[in-house]
């Protein structure tokens, strides 16, 4: 634990860190009692990968659906940059 000499903020961070570690320990014990294997990091990574995949599919569908408008917008941007 950190020294108390640096002020209240350090003590608050230390207490919050202890709470977080205790929370993780309780979850780990609960999972073991239920016979489950808790892999929170892998679950979070999988959720982010699924989210990114869905966003990529949505972006591709939007580009395909609005191809003409995107092309016009791109031409307008390029002509504006070339006129500088």
N, C-alpha and C. Protein backbone atom coordinates (compact mmCIF):
# COMPACT_ATOMS: atom_id res chain seq x y z
N UNK A 1 0.84 -1.18 0.00
CA UNK A 1 0.00 0.00 0.00
C UNK A 1 0.88 1.24 0.00
N UNK A 2 0.40 2.31 -0.56
CA UNK A 2 1.18 3.54 -0.68
C UNK A 2 1.27 4.27 0.66
N UNK A 3 2.26 5.14 0.73
CA UNK A 3 2.43 5.93 1.95
C UNK A 3 1.34 6.98 2.07
N UNK A 4 0.99 7.29 3.29
CA UNK A 4 -0.04 8.29 3.57
C UNK A 4 0.50 9.71 3.45
N UNK A 5 1.80 9.88 3.33
CA UNK A 5 2.40 11.21 3.35
C UNK A 5 2.07 12.05 2.13
N UNK A 6 1.62 11.43 1.03
CA UNK A 6 1.35 12.21 -0.18
C UNK A 6 -0.05 12.80 -0.22
N UNK A 7 -0.90 12.48 0.72
CA UNK A 7 -2.20 13.12 0.78
C UNK A 7 -3.36 12.16 0.67
N UNK A 8 -4.55 12.76 0.67
CA UNK A 8 -5.78 11.99 0.67
C UNK A 8 -5.99 11.23 -0.63
N UNK A 9 -5.55 11.81 -1.75
CA UNK A 9 -5.76 11.17 -3.05
C UNK A 9 -5.06 9.82 -3.11
N UNK A 10 -3.86 9.75 -2.60
CA UNK A 10 -3.12 8.49 -2.59
C UNK A 10 -3.83 7.45 -1.73
N UNK A 11 -4.34 7.86 -0.59
CA UNK A 11 -5.06 6.95 0.28
C UNK A 11 -6.32 6.46 -0.42
N UNK A 12 -7.03 7.37 -1.10
CA UNK A 12 -8.24 6.99 -1.82
C UNK A 12 -7.93 5.99 -2.92
N UNK A 13 -6.82 6.20 -3.65
CA UNK A 13 -6.43 5.25 -4.70
C UNK A 13 -6.09 3.90 -4.11
N UNK A 14 -5.43 3.91 -2.95
CA UNK A 14 -5.08 2.65 -2.29
C UNK A 14 -6.32 1.89 -1.87
N UNK A 15 -7.28 2.60 -1.32
CA UNK A 15 -8.54 1.97 -0.89
C UNK A 15 -9.29 1.43 -2.10
N UNK A 16 -9.33 2.20 -3.19
CA UNK A 16 -10.01 1.75 -4.41
C UNK A 16 -9.32 0.51 -4.97
N UNK A 17 -8.02 0.49 -4.94
CA UNK A 17 -7.27 -0.68 -5.40
C UNK A 17 -7.59 -1.91 -4.57
N UNK A 18 -7.70 -1.73 -3.26
CA UNK A 18 -8.05 -2.85 -2.38
C UNK A 18 -9.46 -3.36 -2.69
N UNK A 19 -10.39 -2.43 -2.94
CA UNK A 19 -11.76 -2.82 -3.29
C UNK A 19 -11.78 -3.63 -4.57
N UNK A 20 -11.02 -3.17 -5.56
CA UNK A 20 -10.99 -3.85 -6.84
C UNK A 20 -10.41 -5.25 -6.71
N UNK A 21 -9.32 -5.38 -5.97
CA UNK A 21 -8.72 -6.71 -5.76
C UNK A 21 -9.67 -7.62 -4.99
N UNK A 22 -10.35 -7.09 -4.00
CA UNK A 22 -11.30 -7.89 -3.23
C UNK A 22 -12.46 -8.35 -4.11
N UNK A 23 -12.94 -7.47 -4.97
CA UNK A 23 -14.03 -7.80 -5.87
C UNK A 23 -13.62 -8.93 -6.81
N UNK A 24 -12.41 -8.84 -7.36
CA UNK A 24 -11.92 -9.89 -8.25
C UNK A 24 -11.76 -11.21 -7.50
N UNK A 25 -11.29 -11.14 -6.27
CA UNK A 25 -11.10 -12.35 -5.48
C UNK A 25 -12.44 -13.02 -5.19
N UNK A 26 -13.45 -12.22 -4.85
CA UNK A 26 -14.78 -12.78 -4.57
C UNK A 26 -15.35 -13.43 -5.82
N UNK A 27 -15.21 -12.76 -6.98
CA UNK A 27 -15.71 -13.35 -8.22
C UNK A 27 -15.00 -14.65 -8.54
N UNK A 28 -13.70 -14.68 -8.34
CA UNK A 28 -12.92 -15.88 -8.60
C UNK A 28 -13.36 -17.03 -7.71
N UNK A 29 -13.57 -16.75 -6.44
CA UNK A 29 -14.02 -17.78 -5.50
C UNK A 29 -15.42 -18.27 -5.88
N UNK A 30 -16.30 -17.35 -6.25
CA UNK A 30 -17.66 -17.73 -6.64
C UNK A 30 -17.64 -18.63 -7.87
N UNK A 31 -16.80 -18.31 -8.82
CA UNK A 31 -16.71 -19.13 -10.03
C UNK A 31 -16.19 -20.53 -9.69
N UNK A 32 -15.19 -20.59 -8.85
CA UNK A 32 -14.64 -21.89 -8.48
C UNK A 32 -15.65 -22.72 -7.71
N UNK A 33 -16.43 -22.08 -6.85
CA UNK A 33 -17.45 -22.81 -6.10
C UNK A 33 -18.53 -23.35 -7.03
N UNK A 34 -18.82 -22.64 -8.08
CA UNK A 34 -19.83 -23.09 -9.03
C UNK A 34 -19.25 -24.04 -10.07
N UNK A 35 -17.96 -24.24 -10.04
CA UNK A 35 -17.33 -25.14 -10.99
C UNK A 35 -17.12 -24.51 -12.36
N UNK A 36 -17.14 -23.20 -12.42
CA UNK A 36 -16.96 -22.50 -13.68
C UNK A 36 -15.54 -22.00 -13.79
N UNK A 37 -15.11 -21.83 -15.00
CA UNK A 37 -13.79 -21.26 -15.23
C UNK A 37 -13.99 -19.83 -15.72
N UNK A 38 -13.62 -18.87 -14.90
CA UNK A 38 -13.83 -17.47 -15.25
C UNK A 38 -12.62 -16.94 -16.00
N UNK A 39 -12.84 -16.57 -17.22
CA UNK A 39 -11.78 -15.97 -18.02
C UNK A 39 -12.30 -14.64 -18.53
N UNK A 40 -12.26 -13.63 -17.69
CA UNK A 40 -12.84 -12.34 -18.02
C UNK A 40 -12.09 -11.64 -19.13
N UNK A 41 -10.78 -11.76 -19.15
CA UNK A 41 -10.01 -11.07 -20.19
C UNK A 41 -10.33 -11.64 -21.56
N UNK A 42 -10.39 -12.95 -21.67
CA UNK A 42 -10.72 -13.58 -22.95
C UNK A 42 -12.13 -13.21 -23.38
N UNK A 43 -13.04 -13.16 -22.44
CA UNK A 43 -14.41 -12.79 -22.76
C UNK A 43 -14.48 -11.36 -23.27
N UNK A 44 -13.77 -10.45 -22.62
CA UNK A 44 -13.75 -9.05 -23.05
C UNK A 44 -13.15 -8.90 -24.44
N UNK A 45 -12.07 -9.64 -24.71
CA UNK A 45 -11.43 -9.58 -26.02
C UNK A 45 -12.37 -10.09 -27.09
N UNK A 46 -13.08 -11.16 -26.80
CA UNK A 46 -14.03 -11.72 -27.76
C UNK A 46 -15.15 -10.72 -28.04
N UNK A 47 -15.65 -10.08 -27.00
CA UNK A 47 -16.72 -9.10 -27.19
C UNK A 47 -16.26 -7.94 -28.06
N UNK A 48 -15.05 -7.46 -27.83
CA UNK A 48 -14.52 -6.37 -28.65
C UNK A 48 -14.32 -6.82 -30.10
N UNK A 49 -13.85 -8.04 -30.30
CA UNK A 49 -13.65 -8.55 -31.66
C UNK A 49 -14.98 -8.65 -32.40
N UNK A 50 -16.01 -9.12 -31.72
CA UNK A 50 -17.34 -9.21 -32.34
C UNK A 50 -17.85 -7.82 -32.67
N UNK A 51 -17.68 -6.88 -31.75
CA UNK A 51 -18.13 -5.50 -31.98
C UNK A 51 -17.43 -4.89 -33.19
N UNK A 52 -16.12 -5.06 -33.28
CA UNK A 52 -15.36 -4.51 -34.41
C UNK A 52 -15.82 -5.17 -35.71
N UNK A 53 -16.04 -6.48 -35.68
CA UNK A 53 -16.52 -7.17 -36.87
C UNK A 53 -17.86 -6.65 -37.34
N UNK A 54 -18.78 -6.44 -36.42
CA UNK A 54 -20.10 -5.91 -36.78
C UNK A 54 -19.97 -4.50 -37.35
N UNK A 55 -19.12 -3.68 -36.76
CA UNK A 55 -18.93 -2.32 -37.28
C UNK A 55 -18.33 -2.32 -38.68
N UNK A 56 -17.41 -3.24 -38.94
CA UNK A 56 -16.81 -3.34 -40.27
C UNK A 56 -17.87 -3.75 -41.29
N UNK A 57 -18.70 -4.72 -40.94
CA UNK A 57 -19.77 -5.15 -41.86
C UNK A 57 -20.73 -4.00 -42.12
N UNK A 58 -21.10 -3.26 -41.10
CA UNK A 58 -22.00 -2.11 -41.28
C UNK A 58 -21.36 -1.06 -42.18
N UNK A 59 -20.07 -0.79 -41.98
CA UNK A 59 -19.37 0.19 -42.81
C UNK A 59 -19.33 -0.25 -44.27
N UNK A 60 -19.05 -1.54 -44.51
CA UNK A 60 -19.01 -2.04 -45.88
C UNK A 60 -20.39 -1.94 -46.53
N UNK A 61 -21.43 -2.32 -45.80
CA UNK A 61 -22.78 -2.23 -46.34
C UNK A 61 -23.17 -0.78 -46.63
N UNK A 62 -22.77 0.14 -45.77
CA UNK A 62 -23.09 1.56 -45.99
C UNK A 62 -22.37 2.09 -47.22
N UNK A 63 -21.12 1.69 -47.40
CA UNK A 63 -20.36 2.15 -48.57
C UNK A 63 -20.98 1.59 -49.85
N UNK A 64 -21.38 0.32 -49.80
CA UNK A 64 -22.00 -0.28 -50.98
C UNK A 64 -23.36 0.39 -51.27
N UNK A 65 -24.14 0.62 -50.24
CA UNK A 65 -25.47 1.20 -50.42
C UNK A 65 -25.40 2.64 -50.92
N UNK A 66 -24.41 3.38 -50.45
CA UNK A 66 -24.29 4.80 -50.81
C UNK A 66 -23.07 5.05 -51.69
N UNK A 67 -22.76 4.10 -52.56
CA UNK A 67 -21.56 4.18 -53.38
C UNK A 67 -21.51 5.47 -54.20
N UNK A 68 -22.62 5.82 -54.84
CA UNK A 68 -22.64 7.01 -55.69
C UNK A 68 -22.43 8.28 -54.87
N UNK A 69 -23.11 8.37 -53.74
CA UNK A 69 -22.96 9.55 -52.88
C UNK A 69 -21.53 9.65 -52.33
N UNK A 70 -20.97 8.52 -51.95
CA UNK A 70 -19.59 8.51 -51.43
C UNK A 70 -18.63 8.95 -52.52
N UNK A 71 -18.87 8.49 -53.73
CA UNK A 71 -18.01 8.87 -54.85
C UNK A 71 -18.09 10.38 -55.11
N UNK A 72 -19.31 10.92 -55.10
CA UNK A 72 -19.48 12.37 -55.29
C UNK A 72 -18.78 13.15 -54.18
N UNK A 73 -18.94 12.69 -52.95
CA UNK A 73 -18.31 13.36 -51.82
C UNK A 73 -16.79 13.31 -51.94
N UNK A 74 -16.27 12.16 -52.31
CA UNK A 74 -14.82 12.00 -52.46
C UNK A 74 -14.30 12.92 -53.56
N UNK A 75 -15.02 13.00 -54.68
CA UNK A 75 -14.61 13.90 -55.78
C UNK A 75 -14.64 15.36 -55.33
N UNK A 76 -15.64 15.74 -54.56
CA UNK A 76 -15.74 17.12 -54.07
C UNK A 76 -14.58 17.43 -53.11
N UNK A 77 -14.25 16.49 -52.27
CA UNK A 77 -13.14 16.70 -51.34
C UNK A 77 -11.82 16.82 -52.08
N UNK A 78 -11.60 15.92 -53.06
CA UNK A 78 -10.34 15.95 -53.80
C UNK A 78 -10.21 17.22 -54.64
N UNK A 79 -11.30 17.66 -55.24
CA UNK A 79 -11.24 18.89 -56.03
C UNK A 79 -11.01 20.10 -55.12
N UNK A 80 -11.59 20.09 -53.94
CA UNK A 80 -11.35 21.17 -52.99
C UNK A 80 -9.89 21.22 -52.53
N UNK A 81 -9.32 20.06 -52.30
CA UNK A 81 -7.91 20.02 -51.90
C UNK A 81 -7.01 20.44 -53.06
N UNK A 82 -7.34 20.00 -54.27
CA UNK A 82 -6.51 20.37 -55.43
C UNK A 82 -6.59 21.85 -55.73
N UNK A 83 -7.68 22.52 -55.36
CA UNK A 83 -7.81 23.94 -55.65
C UNK A 83 -7.02 24.80 -54.66
N UNK A 84 -6.50 24.20 -53.61
CA UNK A 84 -5.71 24.98 -52.64
C UNK A 84 -4.40 25.36 -53.19
